């Protein structure tokens, strides 16, 4: 079992940066691929980024590639999402998620077993 708690959201202006953190409890974290997803108002939840359990493989949605960076610190059982050059269209509730241990990272929501409660990121123009 993995419990996830996100932090670091808030209100920023377009062009600003923000770093989200997701603290995980449970010994399975270091062997679990992690992902970030987001849901904008009136839209379905979508994939943002994923990272392998060892941190060697990362994948990004085209909409955030080159602006967002996912990373993890297994010693701190925390995964991060560094968001630079934020745009108004990045406004959404952001969720971190964990796959079962030793699986490959994935962009599919259905393959994630554990989810955080989500936190709001609002980018104003």
Protein backbone atom coordinates (compact mmCIF):
# COMPACT_ATOMS: atom_id res chain seq x y z
CA UNK A 1 0.00 0.00 0.00
CA UNK A 2 1.23 3.48 -0.88
CA UNK A 3 -0.27 6.72 0.39
CA UNK A 4 0.46 9.90 -1.54
CA UNK A 5 0.23 13.52 -0.42
CA UNK A 6 0.84 16.35 -2.89
CA UNK A 7 2.03 19.83 -1.98
CA UNK A 8 3.33 22.97 -3.65
CA UNK A 9 0.36 24.09 -5.67
CA UNK A 10 -1.01 27.59 -5.79
CA UNK A 11 -1.64 30.67 -7.88
CA UNK A 12 1.10 31.96 -10.18
CA UNK A 13 1.38 34.16 -13.23
CA UNK A 14 2.05 32.99 -16.75
CA UNK A 15 5.77 32.49 -17.25
CA UNK A 16 6.42 31.67 -13.61
CA UNK A 17 7.72 28.40 -12.19
CA UNK A 18 6.31 26.08 -9.58
CA UNK A 19 7.50 22.82 -8.06
CA UNK A 20 5.04 20.20 -6.95
CA UNK A 21 6.01 17.53 -4.46
CA UNK A 22 4.38 14.21 -3.74
CA UNK A 23 5.39 12.52 -0.51
CA UNK A 24 4.78 8.80 -0.34
CA UNK A 25 4.43 6.52 2.61
CA UNK A 26 5.14 2.84 2.40
CA UNK A 27 8.27 0.85 1.62
CA UNK A 28 7.13 0.14 -1.93
CA UNK A 29 7.87 3.65 -3.14
CA UNK A 30 11.44 3.01 -4.26
CA UNK A 31 10.31 0.25 -6.60
CA UNK A 32 7.17 1.95 -7.91
CA UNK A 33 6.98 3.94 -11.13
CA UNK A 34 5.36 7.31 -10.47
CA UNK A 35 3.27 9.60 -12.59
CA UNK A 36 1.72 13.04 -12.61
CA UNK A 37 -1.68 13.68 -14.13
CA UNK A 38 -3.91 16.75 -14.27
CA UNK A 39 -7.53 17.64 -14.77
CA UNK A 40 -8.52 21.04 -16.08
CA UNK A 41 -12.03 22.44 -15.49
CA UNK A 42 -14.53 20.73 -17.75
CA UNK A 43 -11.97 18.30 -19.12
CA UNK A 44 -10.96 14.74 -18.47
CA UNK A 45 -7.90 13.93 -16.45
CA UNK A 46 -4.81 13.64 -18.63
CA UNK A 47 -1.28 12.35 -18.44
CA UNK A 48 1.52 14.81 -17.67
CA UNK A 49 4.70 12.86 -16.88
CA UNK A 50 5.99 9.57 -15.59
CA UNK A 51 9.25 8.28 -14.14
CA UNK A 52 10.60 4.78 -13.68
CA UNK A 53 11.20 3.40 -10.22
CA UNK A 54 14.97 3.93 -10.54
CA UNK A 55 14.50 7.38 -12.04
CA UNK A 56 16.33 6.54 -15.27
CA UNK A 57 13.38 6.77 -17.64
CA UNK A 58 11.01 9.70 -17.97
CA UNK A 59 8.19 10.40 -20.40
CA UNK A 60 6.21 13.60 -20.91
CA UNK A 61 3.03 14.69 -22.58
CA UNK A 62 3.75 16.78 -25.66
CA UNK A 63 2.02 19.77 -24.08
CA UNK A 64 4.60 19.98 -21.27
CA UNK A 65 7.73 18.61 -22.92
CA UNK A 66 10.64 20.99 -22.50
CA UNK A 67 8.88 22.92 -19.71
CA UNK A 68 8.18 20.33 -17.02
CA UNK A 69 10.63 17.95 -15.36
CA UNK A 70 9.72 14.95 -13.25
CA UNK A 71 12.23 13.62 -10.75
CA UNK A 72 12.31 11.52 -7.62
CA UNK A 73 14.30 11.08 -4.46
CA UNK A 74 13.84 7.54 -3.24
CA UNK A 75 15.64 8.27 0.01
CA UNK A 76 12.99 10.90 0.76
CA UNK A 77 10.20 8.84 -0.84
CA UNK A 78 9.19 11.93 -2.80
CA UNK A 79 8.51 12.61 -6.45
CA UNK A 80 8.66 16.12 -7.88
CA UNK A 81 7.25 17.99 -10.83
CA UNK A 82 9.20 21.10 -11.72
CA UNK A 83 7.02 23.31 -13.90
CA UNK A 84 8.66 26.18 -15.76
CA UNK A 85 7.29 28.70 -18.24
CA UNK A 86 3.80 28.06 -16.98
CA UNK A 87 0.88 28.84 -19.25
CA UNK A 88 -2.73 29.65 -18.50
CA UNK A 89 -3.67 26.30 -20.03
CA UNK A 90 -1.62 24.52 -17.36
CA UNK A 91 -4.32 25.47 -14.86
CA UNK A 92 -5.66 22.24 -13.41
CA UNK A 93 -5.85 19.97 -10.41
CA UNK A 94 -2.64 17.96 -10.39
CA UNK A 95 -2.48 14.39 -9.10
CA UNK A 96 0.46 12.13 -8.41
CA UNK A 97 0.02 8.41 -8.79
CA UNK A 98 1.97 5.22 -8.14
CA UNK A 99 2.04 1.98 -10.09
CA UNK A 100 2.57 -1.40 -8.52
CA UNK A 101 6.18 -2.31 -7.83
CA UNK A 102 8.66 -3.13 -10.57
CA UNK A 103 6.22 -2.26 -13.37
CA UNK A 104 7.21 -0.05 -16.28
CA UNK A 105 6.28 3.63 -16.22
CA UNK A 106 3.06 4.34 -18.05
CA UNK A 107 0.95 7.21 -19.39
CA UNK A 108 -2.28 5.27 -18.80
CA UNK A 109 -4.29 6.24 -15.74
CA UNK A 110 -5.81 2.78 -15.48
CA UNK A 111 -2.39 1.31 -14.75
CA UNK A 112 -1.88 3.32 -11.57
CA UNK A 113 -3.06 1.74 -8.36
CA UNK A 114 -2.58 4.59 -5.89
CA UNK A 115 -3.52 8.27 -6.17
CA UNK A 116 -3.02 11.41 -4.20
CA UNK A 117 -5.87 13.74 -3.32
CA UNK A 118 -4.86 16.33 -5.91
CA UNK A 119 -3.92 19.96 -5.59
CA UNK A 120 -4.84 23.07 -7.49
CA UNK A 121 -2.46 24.92 -9.76
CA UNK A 122 -3.81 28.15 -11.21
CA UNK A 123 -1.90 30.16 -13.78
CA UNK A 124 -3.17 33.67 -14.42
CA UNK A 125 -2.45 35.75 -17.49
